[in-house]
Amino acid sequence: MRFVNRRAALAAMAALAATASSTAMAQQTVTLRLHQFLPPQAVIPAKAIIPWAQKVEADSGGRIKIQLFHAMQLGGAPPQLFDQAKDGVADITWTVLGYTPGRFNKSEVFELPFMSGVAEHSSRAFWEYVQANAADEFKDVKLLAVHTHGPGLFHTKAPVTGLESLRGMKIRGGSRVINNMLVKLGATPVGMPVPAVTDALSKGTIDGTTIPWEVTPSLKVTELVKNHTTFAGKEGLYTQTFAFSMNKAAYDKLPADLKAVIDKNSGIETAAMFGRAMDEGDRTGREIAVKAKNNIIELDVAETQRWRRTAGSVETDWVNEMKGKNIDGAKLVSEARALIAKHSR
């Protein structure tokens, strides 16, 4: 009888311990460190990352805390951010894929000249494209979102009114694909992360930069240069690609209900939210240049076609390079364009 009672008591204690453990897990609070390279007032931090963090905290009932580190406050350089998420230096990072040349080969297709325009549409397309064609490039992280910015254009000290006026200018490019395009167009590319643009323009290291309108206010570009060159048609000269990534171990350690919160705030709608922020920022950035009475040059259809033809060999170069890596680049270009068209309807 004593043996039966003892066994029942042990079973009751085990059940109590399991309940206590389950309750503790359900009440677990975690702090996730989010690291990115722009100041907090820039468009993506202000209009996408900070609202995302606030929503995750609210959806989790305050059990997930997002600790924000802007402008590389945790150390390192922007090209190291993807690895910081992979290696656990930070729990979540946001960065430009082109800052690590040759690493995200299949994702580069969205950077090709005149590929896309509206960032919300191309960001939805890019998420779907990655899931179908480039998921292996992100296997070392928990991918929260990928996205693009809006139409890329020139911001220069001297006006760029046609192909001939660009020749010989030192222009900042944000990725190897964009730098190759600048070479084809006759410019001298100078590669650097976007936070370095302000200093480079101030010191005369570069004559101009390729960036979308949205980032010009935080970099004071409309104060440092007075000329901006845009193109006819829906597509911009180029775009860049971005990844919002989480450390796998940090995600795996979360209890199931908190994983669900992260999952709810990941994927195509999160990609679209980042893209929308870029589109809104483009409108604001352009309005600032207009109010400053800067010179906004809109190349006509005929001149834009000259640029398209000249820059077209960048796509050929990329397809041939991918062929050497056993990647069907032509197929990827076709799929990317089809997805952009699908999400632009």
Protein backbone atom coordinates (compact mmCIF):
# COMPACT_ATOMS: atom_id res chain seq x y z
CA MET A 1 0.00 0.00 0.00
CA ARG A 2 2.84 2.36 0.93
CA PHE A 3 4.51 1.51 -2.42
CA VAL A 4 1.34 2.42 -4.37
CA ASN A 5 0.98 5.70 -2.44
CA ARG A 6 4.61 6.57 -3.03
CA ARG A 7 4.29 5.89 -6.74
CA ALA A 8 1.15 8.05 -6.93
CA ALA A 9 2.95 10.85 -5.08
CA LEU A 10 5.90 10.71 -7.46
CA ALA A 11 3.58 10.78 -10.45
CA ALA A 12 1.78 13.79 -9.00
CA MET A 13 5.09 15.57 -8.39
CA ALA A 14 6.22 14.85 -11.96
CA ALA A 15 2.95 16.20 -13.35
CA LEU A 16 3.30 19.32 -11.19
CA ALA A 17 6.88 19.83 -12.39
CA ALA A 18 5.82 19.42 -16.01
CA THR A 19 3.00 21.91 -15.54
CA ALA A 20 5.38 24.38 -13.88
CA SER A 21 7.88 23.94 -16.72
CA SER A 22 5.15 24.41 -19.31
CA THR A 23 3.90 27.52 -17.51
CA ALA A 24 7.42 28.92 -17.32
CA MET A 25 7.90 28.34 -21.05
CA ALA A 26 4.58 30.01 -21.77
CA GLN A 27 5.66 33.04 -19.72
CA GLN A 28 9.20 33.16 -21.12
CA THR A 29 10.39 36.62 -22.16
CA VAL A 30 13.18 36.98 -24.71
CA THR A 31 15.19 39.96 -25.90
CA LEU A 32 16.32 39.98 -29.52
CA ARG A 33 19.06 42.36 -30.69
CA LEU A 34 18.36 43.91 -34.10
CA HIS A 35 21.33 45.49 -35.91
CA GLN A 36 21.37 47.58 -39.11
CA PHE A 37 23.50 50.22 -40.81
CA LEU A 38 21.32 53.34 -41.22
CA PRO A 39 20.49 56.09 -38.70
CA PRO A 40 17.07 55.66 -37.04
CA GLN A 41 15.53 58.58 -38.94
CA ALA A 42 16.20 56.99 -42.35
CA VAL A 43 13.20 55.54 -44.17
CA ILE A 44 13.63 51.81 -43.55
CA PRO A 45 14.44 52.10 -39.84
CA ALA A 46 11.71 54.70 -39.22
CA LYS A 47 8.97 53.31 -41.49
CA ALA A 48 9.66 49.56 -41.53
CA ILE A 49 12.10 48.20 -38.93
CA ILE A 50 10.87 50.15 -35.89
CA PRO A 51 7.15 49.53 -36.71
CA TRP A 52 7.98 45.85 -37.30
CA ALA A 53 9.68 45.61 -33.90
CA GLN A 54 6.74 47.33 -32.20
CA LYS A 55 4.27 44.95 -33.87
CA VAL A 56 6.27 41.86 -32.84
CA GLU A 57 6.37 43.11 -29.26
CA ALA A 58 2.60 43.80 -29.29
CA ASP A 59 1.73 40.47 -30.97
CA SER A 60 3.78 38.61 -28.36
CA GLY A 61 2.03 40.36 -25.47
CA GLY A 62 5.35 41.93 -24.53
CA ARG A 63 7.14 38.60 -24.24
CA ILE A 64 9.45 39.43 -27.15
CA LYS A 65 11.52 42.56 -26.64
CA ILE A 66 13.39 43.96 -29.66
CA GLN A 67 16.53 45.86 -28.75
CA LEU A 68 17.39 48.18 -31.66
CA PHE A 69 20.96 48.98 -32.65
CA HIS A 70 21.13 51.51 -35.49
CA ALA A 71 24.06 52.74 -37.59
CA MET A 72 26.34 49.76 -36.78
CA GLN A 73 26.24 50.37 -33.01
CA LEU A 74 27.17 46.73 -32.34
CA GLY A 75 30.33 47.15 -34.37
CA GLY A 76 31.59 45.82 -37.65
CA ALA A 77 30.84 47.11 -41.14
CA PRO A 78 27.67 46.84 -43.27
CA PRO A 79 29.09 43.98 -45.41
CA GLN A 80 29.39 41.89 -42.21
CA LEU A 81 25.73 42.18 -41.20
CA PHE A 82 24.45 39.02 -42.89
CA ASP A 83 27.15 36.98 -41.14
CA GLN A 84 26.36 38.72 -37.85
CA ALA A 85 22.87 37.19 -38.07
CA LYS A 86 24.25 33.84 -39.21
CA ASP A 87 26.86 33.69 -36.42
CA GLY A 88 24.73 35.14 -33.61
CA VAL A 89 26.65 38.40 -33.16
CA ALA A 90 23.17 39.89 -33.51
CA ASP A 91 19.83 38.08 -33.44
CA ILE A 92 18.33 39.97 -36.40
CA THR A 93 19.99 42.08 -39.10
CA TRP A 94 18.95 44.10 -42.14
CA THR A 95 21.47 44.61 -44.93
CA VAL A 96 22.16 45.01 -48.64
CA LEU A 97 22.92 41.71 -50.38
CA GLY A 98 25.22 43.41 -52.88
CA TYR A 99 27.64 44.35 -50.08
CA THR A 100 28.99 40.77 -50.25
CA PRO A 101 29.82 40.34 -53.96
CA GLY A 102 29.40 36.90 -55.48
CA ARG A 103 27.66 35.42 -52.45
CA PHE A 104 24.03 35.74 -53.53
CA ASN A 105 24.43 34.86 -57.19
CA LYS A 106 20.86 33.89 -58.00
CA SER A 107 19.44 36.86 -56.09
CA GLU A 108 21.50 39.30 -58.17
CA VAL A 109 19.08 39.02 -61.08
CA PHE A 110 16.88 41.73 -59.51
CA GLU A 111 19.80 44.19 -59.72
CA LEU A 112 20.05 44.01 -63.52
CA PRO A 113 19.44 47.27 -65.43
CA PHE A 114 15.84 48.33 -66.00
CA MET A 115 14.51 45.22 -64.25
CA SER A 116 11.95 46.77 -61.90
CA GLY A 117 10.24 49.92 -60.72
CA VAL A 118 7.70 50.06 -57.87
CA ALA A 119 9.39 48.65 -54.78
CA GLU A 120 6.28 47.09 -53.24
CA HIS A 121 5.63 45.09 -56.41
CA SER A 122 9.23 44.02 -56.93
CA SER A 123 9.61 43.14 -53.24
CA ARG A 124 6.66 40.75 -53.43
CA ALA A 125 8.16 39.32 -56.61
CA PHE A 126 11.60 39.01 -55.01
CA TRP A 127 10.24 37.08 -52.01
CA GLU A 128 8.40 34.64 -54.28
CA TYR A 129 11.46 34.35 -56.54
CA VAL A 130 13.78 33.53 -53.61
CA GLN A 131 11.44 30.83 -52.29
CA ALA A 132 11.37 29.15 -55.70
CA ASN A 133 14.91 29.76 -56.95
CA ALA A 134 17.36 30.97 -54.32
CA ALA A 135 16.33 29.59 -50.91
CA ASP A 136 19.70 27.82 -50.65
CA GLU A 137 21.45 31.19 -50.53
CA PHE A 138 19.72 31.90 -47.21
CA LYS A 139 19.88 28.42 -45.65
CA ASP A 140 22.15 29.62 -42.82
CA VAL A 141 19.56 32.05 -41.40
CA LYS A 142 15.87 32.24 -40.64
CA LEU A 143 14.83 34.56 -43.48
CA LEU A 144 12.23 37.10 -42.36
CA ALA A 145 11.95 39.10 -45.58
CA VAL A 146 13.76 40.12 -48.73
CA HIS A 147 12.93 43.25 -50.67
CA THR A 148 14.14 45.83 -53.18
CA HIS A 149 14.19 49.60 -53.27
CA GLY A 150 12.43 51.67 -55.91
CA PRO A 151 13.86 53.06 -59.16
CA GLY A 152 17.58 53.78 -58.95
CA LEU A 153 18.81 57.05 -60.45
CA PHE A 154 21.78 59.45 -60.57
CA HIS A 155 22.49 62.29 -58.14
CA THR A 156 25.45 64.30 -59.44
CA LYS A 157 27.38 67.55 -59.02
CA ALA A 158 27.37 68.21 -62.78
CA PRO A 159 24.17 67.47 -64.73
CA VAL A 160 23.81 64.13 -66.53
CA THR A 161 21.71 64.97 -69.58
CA GLY A 162 22.73 61.99 -71.73
CA LEU A 163 25.19 59.14 -72.01
CA GLU A 164 28.03 61.42 -73.12
CA SER A 165 27.83 63.66 -70.05
CA LEU A 166 28.24 60.68 -67.69
CA ARG A 167 31.54 59.58 -69.20
CA GLY A 168 34.53 59.83 -66.87
CA MET A 169 32.45 60.73 -63.80
CA LYS A 170 33.35 58.94 -60.57
CA ILE A 171 30.04 57.45 -59.47
CA ARG A 172 29.30 55.44 -56.35
CA GLY A 173 27.86 52.00 -57.06
CA GLY A 174 26.32 49.71 -54.46
CA SER A 175 27.06 46.26 -55.90
CA ARG A 176 29.23 44.49 -58.46
CA VAL A 177 26.33 44.28 -60.94
CA ILE A 178 25.70 48.03 -60.66
CA ASN A 179 29.42 48.78 -60.93
CA ASN A 180 29.60 46.72 -64.13
CA MET A 181 26.66 48.72 -65.47
CA LEU A 182 28.44 51.99 -64.66
CA VAL A 183 31.50 50.81 -66.60
CA LYS A 184 29.32 49.99 -69.64
CA LEU A 185 27.74 53.45 -69.41
CA GLY A 186 31.16 55.13 -69.38
CA ALA A 187 31.44 56.14 -65.74
CA THR A 188 34.19 55.22 -63.28
CA PRO A 189 32.53 53.14 -60.54
CA VAL A 190 33.52 53.64 -56.90
CA GLY A 191 32.16 50.90 -54.67
CA MET A 192 31.08 51.80 -51.13
CA PRO A 193 28.25 51.15 -48.66
CA VAL A 194 25.60 53.85 -48.67
CA PRO A 195 26.54 55.39 -45.26
CA ALA A 196 29.88 56.46 -46.81
CA VAL A 197 28.22 58.52 -49.57
CA THR A 198 27.84 61.77 -47.61
CA ASP A 199 31.52 61.97 -46.72
CA ALA A 200 32.61 60.91 -50.21
CA LEU A 201 30.50 63.63 -51.86
CA SER A 202 31.68 66.24 -49.34
CA LYS A 203 35.35 65.45 -49.96
CA GLY A 204 35.01 65.12 -53.73
CA THR A 205 35.99 61.46 -53.71
CA ILE A 206 33.02 60.90 -56.03
CA ASP A 207 31.22 63.14 -58.52
CA GLY A 208 27.86 61.58 -57.86
CA THR A 209 26.02 58.54 -56.61
CA THR A 210 23.45 55.98 -57.66
CA ILE A 211 20.79 55.69 -54.97
CA PRO A 212 16.98 55.86 -54.91
CA TRP A 213 15.21 59.03 -53.81
CA GLU A 214 14.24 57.56 -50.44
CA VAL A 215 17.71 57.60 -48.91
CA THR A 216 18.70 61.10 -50.10
CA PRO A 217 17.31 63.00 -47.07
CA SER A 218 19.19 61.01 -44.42
CA LEU A 219 22.43 61.31 -46.43
CA LYS A 220 21.91 65.05 -47.15
CA VAL A 221 22.41 64.32 -50.85
CA THR A 222 20.08 67.07 -52.07
CA GLU A 223 22.27 69.58 -50.19
CA LEU A 224 25.54 68.20 -51.56
CA VAL A 225 24.52 67.86 -55.22
CA LYS A 226 21.99 69.80 -57.25
CA ASN A 227 21.36 67.48 -60.20
CA HIS A 228 19.19 64.36 -60.34
CA THR A 229 18.69 62.26 -63.49
CA THR A 230 15.66 60.00 -63.95
CA PHE A 231 14.52 57.80 -66.83
CA ALA A 232 11.41 57.36 -68.97
CA GLY A 233 9.22 54.34 -68.31
CA LYS A 234 8.14 52.37 -65.25
CA GLU A 235 11.50 50.75 -64.56
CA GLY A 236 14.40 52.48 -62.87
CA LEU A 237 18.00 52.31 -64.03
CA TYR A 238 18.63 49.55 -61.46
CA THR A 239 17.58 48.38 -58.01
CA GLN A 240 19.32 46.81 -55.04
CA THR A 241 18.28 43.84 -52.95
CA PHE A 242 18.02 43.55 -49.16
CA ALA A 243 17.66 40.78 -46.59
CA PHE A 244 16.03 40.90 -43.16
CA SER A 245 17.43 37.84 -41.40
CA MET A 246 17.32 36.12 -38.00
CA ASN A 247 19.86 33.87 -36.32
CA LYS A 248 18.63 30.27 -36.63
CA ALA A 249 19.54 29.29 -33.07
CA ALA A 250 17.78 32.35 -31.65
CA TYR A 251 14.64 31.37 -33.56
CA ASP A 252 14.89 27.67 -32.66
CA LYS A 253 15.15 28.48 -28.93
CA LEU A 254 11.80 30.28 -28.93
CA PRO A 255 8.75 28.46 -27.57
CA ALA A 256 6.22 27.50 -30.24
CA ASP A 257 3.87 30.42 -29.62
CA LEU A 258 6.69 32.98 -29.96
CA LYS A 259 7.94 31.26 -33.11
CA ALA A 260 4.42 31.76 -34.43
CA VAL A 261 4.69 35.50 -33.72
CA ILE A 262 7.92 35.72 -35.73
CA ASP A 263 6.38 33.62 -38.54
CA LYS A 264 3.32 35.88 -38.62
CA ASN A 265 5.62 38.87 -39.12
CA SER A 266 7.73 37.25 -41.85
CA GLY A 267 7.22 36.48 -45.52
CA ILE A 268 5.68 38.18 -48.51
CA GLU A 269 3.58 40.73 -46.61
CA THR A 270 6.59 41.81 -44.57
CA ALA A 271 8.57 42.09 -47.82
CA ALA A 272 5.78 44.24 -49.27
CA MET A 273 5.74 46.44 -46.15
CA PHE A 274 9.46 47.18 -46.56
CA GLY A 275 8.87 47.89 -50.27
CA ARG A 276 5.99 50.28 -49.50
CA ALA A 277 8.22 52.18 -47.09
CA MET A 278 10.74 52.57 -49.90
CA ASP A 279 8.06 53.83 -52.31
CA GLU A 280 6.77 56.38 -49.79
CA GLY A 281 10.34 57.48 -49.11
CA ASP A 282 10.94 57.99 -52.83
CA ARG A 283 8.04 60.42 -53.01
CA THR A 284 9.30 62.32 -49.96
CA GLY A 285 12.89 62.45 -51.21
CA ARG A 286 11.84 63.80 -54.59
CA GLU A 287 9.62 66.44 -52.98
CA ILE A 288 12.60 67.67 -50.94
CA ALA A 289 14.67 68.07 -54.13
CA VAL A 290 11.80 69.94 -55.82
CA LYS A 291 11.43 72.32 -52.84
CA ALA A 292 15.18 72.90 -52.88
CA LYS A 293 14.78 73.92 -56.55
CA ASN A 294 17.32 71.31 -57.59
CA ASN A 295 17.68 70.37 -61.26
CA ILE A 296 15.62 67.23 -61.93
CA ILE A 297 16.44 65.91 -65.41
CA GLU A 298 13.93 63.50 -66.92
CA LEU A 299 15.48 61.71 -69.90
CA ASP A 300 13.00 61.16 -72.70
CA VAL A 301 12.03 57.81 -74.22
CA ALA A 302 14.59 57.99 -77.05
CA GLU A 303 17.51 58.80 -74.73
CA THR A 304 16.36 56.18 -72.21
CA GLN A 305 16.40 53.60 -75.00
CA ARG A 306 20.05 54.47 -75.67
CA TRP A 307 20.83 53.75 -72.02
CA ARG A 308 18.85 50.49 -72.15
CA ARG A 309 20.79 49.32 -75.21
CA THR A 310 24.15 50.28 -73.72
CA ALA A 311 23.41 48.73 -70.33
CA GLY A 312 21.89 45.61 -71.91
CA SER A 313 25.25 43.87 -72.11
CA VAL A 314 25.31 43.76 -68.28
CA GLU A 315 22.55 41.15 -68.46
CA THR A 316 24.50 39.17 -71.07
CA ASP A 317 27.60 39.28 -68.88
CA TRP A 318 25.64 38.07 -65.88
CA VAL A 319 23.94 35.22 -67.77
CA ASN A 320 27.30 34.04 -69.13
CA GLU A 321 28.90 34.23 -65.69
CA MET A 322 26.06 32.20 -64.17
CA LYS A 323 26.45 29.60 -66.92
CA GLY A 324 30.03 29.09 -65.72
CA LYS A 325 28.59 28.33 -62.25
CA ASN A 326 26.07 25.84 -63.64
CA ILE A 327 23.21 28.28 -63.06
CA ASP A 328 20.67 28.92 -65.83
CA GLY A 329 20.81 32.71 -65.69
CA ALA A 330 18.58 33.23 -68.72
CA LYS A 331 15.83 31.20 -67.07
CA LEU A 332 16.21 33.18 -63.83
CA VAL A 333 15.96 36.51 -65.70
CA SER A 334 12.77 35.29 -67.37
CA GLU A 335 11.28 34.11 -64.07
CA ALA A 336 12.16 37.36 -62.29
CA ARG A 337 10.53 39.46 -65.01
CA ALA A 338 7.43 37.26 -65.01
CA LEU A 339 7.05 37.58 -61.22
CA ILE A 340 7.50 41.36 -61.34
CA ALA A 341 4.83 41.54 -64.06
CA LYS A 342 2.52 39.29 -61.99
CA HIS A 343 2.80 41.47 -58.89
CA SER A 344 2.55 44.72 -60.85
CA ARG A 345 -0.90 43.98 -62.27
